[in-house]
């Protein structure tokens, strides 16, 4: 019984760490490429391609972050068994 609980909690912790890695990787990518985005997207005339790029980039980011947080097994507070 204790082994099952321990296994479950370790899986939840691994899931939390995986979600954190996803969030950090996405944030890091956005920080690295934001200056290029300003140069090539924001400072040029608005086109359908610019709209599509921004839609895919930011809606995709929000979706990935929401999925990372919703799929994590974070349990606030103490775990009661």
N, C-alpha and C. Protein backbone atom coordinates (compact mmCIF):
# COMPACT_ATOMS: atom_id res chain seq x y z
N UNK A 1 0.82 -1.19 0.00
CA UNK A 1 0.00 0.00 0.00
C UNK A 1 0.86 1.25 0.00
N UNK A 2 1.85 1.30 0.89
CA UNK A 2 2.72 2.47 0.96
C UNK A 2 3.54 2.62 -0.32
N UNK A 3 3.91 1.49 -0.90
CA UNK A 3 4.66 1.53 -2.14
C UNK A 3 3.82 2.11 -3.27
N UNK A 4 2.53 1.77 -3.32
CA UNK A 4 1.63 2.30 -4.34
C UNK A 4 1.48 3.81 -4.20
N UNK A 5 1.34 4.27 -2.98
CA UNK A 5 1.20 5.71 -2.73
C UNK A 5 2.49 6.43 -3.10
N UNK A 6 3.59 5.84 -2.74
CA UNK A 6 4.88 6.43 -3.05
C UNK A 6 5.09 6.49 -4.55
N UNK A 7 4.70 5.46 -5.25
CA UNK A 7 4.82 5.42 -6.70
C UNK A 7 3.94 6.49 -7.35
N UNK A 8 2.73 6.62 -6.86
CA UNK A 8 1.81 7.63 -7.39
C UNK A 8 2.35 9.04 -7.17
N UNK A 9 2.84 9.30 -5.99
CA UNK A 9 3.38 10.63 -5.69
C UNK A 9 4.63 10.94 -6.51
N UNK A 10 5.46 9.94 -6.76
CA UNK A 10 6.64 10.17 -7.59
C UNK A 10 6.24 10.44 -9.04
N UNK A 11 5.20 9.77 -9.52
CA UNK A 11 4.71 10.04 -10.87
C UNK A 11 4.12 11.44 -10.97
N UNK A 12 3.41 11.88 -9.95
CA UNK A 12 2.87 13.24 -9.94
C UNK A 12 4.00 14.27 -9.93
N UNK A 13 5.04 14.00 -9.17
CA UNK A 13 6.17 14.92 -9.11
C UNK A 13 6.87 14.98 -10.47
N UNK A 14 7.05 13.84 -11.11
CA UNK A 14 7.66 13.81 -12.44
C UNK A 14 6.81 14.59 -13.43
N UNK A 15 5.50 14.44 -13.35
CA UNK A 15 4.59 15.17 -14.23
C UNK A 15 4.71 16.67 -14.00
N UNK A 16 4.82 17.08 -12.75
CA UNK A 16 4.99 18.50 -12.44
C UNK A 16 6.30 19.04 -13.01
N UNK A 17 7.37 18.28 -12.86
CA UNK A 17 8.65 18.72 -13.39
C UNK A 17 8.62 18.80 -14.92
N UNK A 18 7.95 17.85 -15.55
CA UNK A 18 7.82 17.88 -17.00
C UNK A 18 7.05 19.11 -17.45
N UNK A 19 5.97 19.44 -16.75
CA UNK A 19 5.20 20.63 -17.09
C UNK A 19 6.05 21.88 -16.92
N UNK A 20 6.85 21.93 -15.89
CA UNK A 20 7.72 23.08 -15.67
C UNK A 20 8.75 23.21 -16.78
N UNK A 21 9.30 22.10 -17.23
CA UNK A 21 10.27 22.13 -18.33
C UNK A 21 9.62 22.66 -19.60
N UNK A 22 8.39 22.27 -19.87
CA UNK A 22 7.68 22.76 -21.05
C UNK A 22 7.50 24.27 -20.97
N UNK A 23 7.06 24.76 -19.84
CA UNK A 23 6.83 26.20 -19.67
C UNK A 23 8.14 26.98 -19.82
N UNK A 24 9.21 26.48 -19.24
CA UNK A 24 10.50 27.16 -19.33
C UNK A 24 11.02 27.15 -20.76
N UNK A 25 10.89 26.04 -21.47
CA UNK A 25 11.37 25.96 -22.85
C UNK A 25 10.61 26.92 -23.75
N UNK A 26 9.30 26.98 -23.60
CA UNK A 26 8.50 27.90 -24.42
C UNK A 26 8.86 29.35 -24.09
N UNK A 27 8.99 29.65 -22.83
CA UNK A 27 9.34 31.02 -22.42
C UNK A 27 10.72 31.40 -22.94
N UNK A 28 11.66 30.50 -22.87
CA UNK A 28 13.02 30.75 -23.35
C UNK A 28 13.01 31.01 -24.85
N UNK A 29 12.27 30.21 -25.59
CA UNK A 29 12.18 30.40 -27.04
C UNK A 29 11.58 31.76 -27.37
N UNK A 30 10.55 32.15 -26.67
CA UNK A 30 9.92 33.44 -26.94
C UNK A 30 10.86 34.59 -26.59
N UNK A 31 11.61 34.48 -25.52
CA UNK A 31 12.56 35.53 -25.16
C UNK A 31 13.68 35.66 -26.19
N UNK A 32 14.15 34.54 -26.73
CA UNK A 32 15.23 34.58 -27.71
C UNK A 32 14.78 35.16 -29.04
N UNK A 33 13.56 34.90 -29.45
CA UNK A 33 13.12 35.29 -30.79
C UNK A 33 12.26 36.54 -30.82
N UNK A 34 12.02 37.17 -29.68
CA UNK A 34 11.13 38.33 -29.66
C UNK A 34 11.71 39.51 -30.43
N UNK A 35 13.01 39.73 -30.34
CA UNK A 35 13.62 40.86 -31.07
C UNK A 35 13.48 40.68 -32.59
N UNK A 36 13.63 39.46 -33.07
CA UNK A 36 13.43 39.20 -34.50
C UNK A 36 11.97 39.36 -34.89
N UNK A 37 11.09 38.97 -33.99
CA UNK A 37 9.66 39.14 -34.27
C UNK A 37 9.33 40.61 -34.42
N UNK A 38 9.85 41.46 -33.57
CA UNK A 38 9.61 42.90 -33.67
C UNK A 38 10.14 43.43 -35.00
N UNK A 39 11.34 43.00 -35.37
CA UNK A 39 11.95 43.48 -36.62
C UNK A 39 11.18 43.03 -37.85
N UNK A 40 10.85 41.75 -37.91
CA UNK A 40 10.28 41.20 -39.14
C UNK A 40 8.75 41.20 -39.20
N UNK A 41 8.09 41.35 -38.09
CA UNK A 41 6.63 41.31 -38.10
C UNK A 41 6.02 42.65 -37.74
N UNK A 42 6.41 43.21 -36.60
CA UNK A 42 5.76 44.40 -36.10
C UNK A 42 6.15 45.67 -36.86
N UNK A 43 7.35 45.73 -37.41
CA UNK A 43 7.81 46.95 -38.08
C UNK A 43 7.57 46.93 -39.58
N UNK A 44 6.86 45.97 -40.07
CA UNK A 44 6.55 45.89 -41.50
C UNK A 44 5.07 46.13 -41.71
N UNK A 45 4.69 46.38 -42.95
CA UNK A 45 3.24 46.54 -43.22
C UNK A 45 2.48 45.26 -42.85
N UNK A 46 1.27 45.46 -42.37
CA UNK A 46 0.45 44.34 -41.92
C UNK A 46 -0.06 43.54 -43.11
N UNK A 47 0.15 42.21 -43.06
CA UNK A 47 -0.32 41.33 -44.13
C UNK A 47 -1.06 40.15 -43.51
N UNK A 48 -1.63 39.33 -44.38
CA UNK A 48 -2.31 38.13 -43.89
C UNK A 48 -1.30 37.15 -43.27
N UNK A 49 -0.11 37.13 -43.81
CA UNK A 49 0.93 36.25 -43.27
C UNK A 49 1.33 36.70 -41.87
N UNK A 50 1.43 38.01 -41.66
CA UNK A 50 1.74 38.53 -40.32
C UNK A 50 0.66 38.13 -39.33
N UNK A 51 -0.58 38.26 -39.75
CA UNK A 51 -1.70 37.87 -38.88
C UNK A 51 -1.65 36.39 -38.56
N UNK A 52 -1.40 35.58 -39.57
CA UNK A 52 -1.33 34.13 -39.37
C UNK A 52 -0.17 33.77 -38.44
N UNK A 53 0.97 34.40 -38.63
CA UNK A 53 2.12 34.14 -37.77
C UNK A 53 1.80 34.44 -36.31
N UNK A 54 1.26 35.62 -36.06
CA UNK A 54 0.95 36.03 -34.69
C UNK A 54 -0.13 35.16 -34.08
N UNK A 55 -1.11 34.79 -34.87
CA UNK A 55 -2.17 33.93 -34.37
C UNK A 55 -1.63 32.57 -33.96
N UNK A 56 -0.82 31.98 -34.82
CA UNK A 56 -0.26 30.67 -34.51
C UNK A 56 0.72 30.76 -33.33
N UNK A 57 1.52 31.81 -33.31
CA UNK A 57 2.54 31.94 -32.26
C UNK A 57 1.92 32.13 -30.89
N UNK A 58 0.98 33.04 -30.77
CA UNK A 58 0.46 33.35 -29.44
C UNK A 58 -0.69 32.47 -29.01
N UNK A 59 -1.54 32.06 -29.90
CA UNK A 59 -2.60 31.11 -29.52
C UNK A 59 -1.96 29.76 -29.20
N UNK A 60 -0.96 29.37 -29.98
CA UNK A 60 -0.25 28.12 -29.70
C UNK A 60 0.46 28.16 -28.37
N UNK A 61 1.04 29.31 -28.04
CA UNK A 61 1.72 29.47 -26.74
C UNK A 61 0.72 29.35 -25.61
N UNK A 62 -0.38 30.04 -25.71
CA UNK A 62 -1.39 29.97 -24.66
C UNK A 62 -1.94 28.56 -24.50
N UNK A 63 -2.15 27.88 -25.62
CA UNK A 63 -2.64 26.51 -25.58
C UNK A 63 -1.63 25.58 -24.91
N UNK A 64 -0.36 25.72 -25.27
CA UNK A 64 0.68 24.86 -24.69
C UNK A 64 0.83 25.12 -23.19
N UNK A 65 0.79 26.37 -22.79
CA UNK A 65 0.91 26.68 -21.37
C UNK A 65 -0.30 26.19 -20.59
N UNK A 66 -1.49 26.39 -21.14
CA UNK A 66 -2.69 25.90 -20.47
C UNK A 66 -2.67 24.38 -20.35
N UNK A 67 -2.23 23.72 -21.39
CA UNK A 67 -2.14 22.26 -21.36
C UNK A 67 -1.11 21.80 -20.34
N UNK A 68 0.00 22.49 -20.26
CA UNK A 68 1.05 22.11 -19.30
C UNK A 68 0.54 22.26 -17.88
N UNK A 69 -0.19 23.34 -17.60
CA UNK A 69 -0.68 23.55 -16.25
C UNK A 69 -1.88 22.65 -15.92
N UNK A 70 -2.76 22.44 -16.89
CA UNK A 70 -3.94 21.61 -16.63
C UNK A 70 -3.60 20.13 -16.53
N UNK A 71 -2.59 19.69 -17.23
CA UNK A 71 -2.23 18.28 -17.21
C UNK A 71 -1.30 17.93 -16.06
N UNK A 72 -0.80 18.95 -15.37
CA UNK A 72 0.09 18.66 -14.25
C UNK A 72 -0.74 18.13 -13.09
N UNK A 73 -0.14 17.30 -12.32
CA UNK A 73 -0.84 16.70 -11.20
C UNK A 73 -0.59 17.45 -9.91
N UNK A 74 -0.42 18.76 -10.01
CA UNK A 74 -0.10 19.54 -8.82
C UNK A 74 -1.21 19.45 -7.81
N UNK A 75 -0.86 19.07 -6.62
CA UNK A 75 -1.84 18.95 -5.54
C UNK A 75 -1.49 20.01 -4.49
N UNK A 76 -2.29 21.07 -4.39
CA UNK A 76 -1.97 22.08 -3.38
C UNK A 76 -2.21 21.56 -1.98
N UNK A 77 -1.31 21.85 -1.11
CA UNK A 77 -1.47 21.43 0.28
C UNK A 77 -0.96 20.02 0.52
N UNK A 78 -1.12 19.56 1.73
CA UNK A 78 -0.62 18.23 2.07
C UNK A 78 -1.46 17.13 1.42
N UNK A 79 -0.81 16.04 1.10
CA UNK A 79 -1.48 14.90 0.51
C UNK A 79 -2.01 14.00 1.61
N UNK A 80 -3.32 13.72 1.55
CA UNK A 80 -3.93 12.83 2.54
C UNK A 80 -4.17 11.49 1.91
N UNK A 81 -3.72 10.46 2.57
CA UNK A 81 -3.86 9.10 2.02
C UNK A 81 -4.84 8.32 2.86
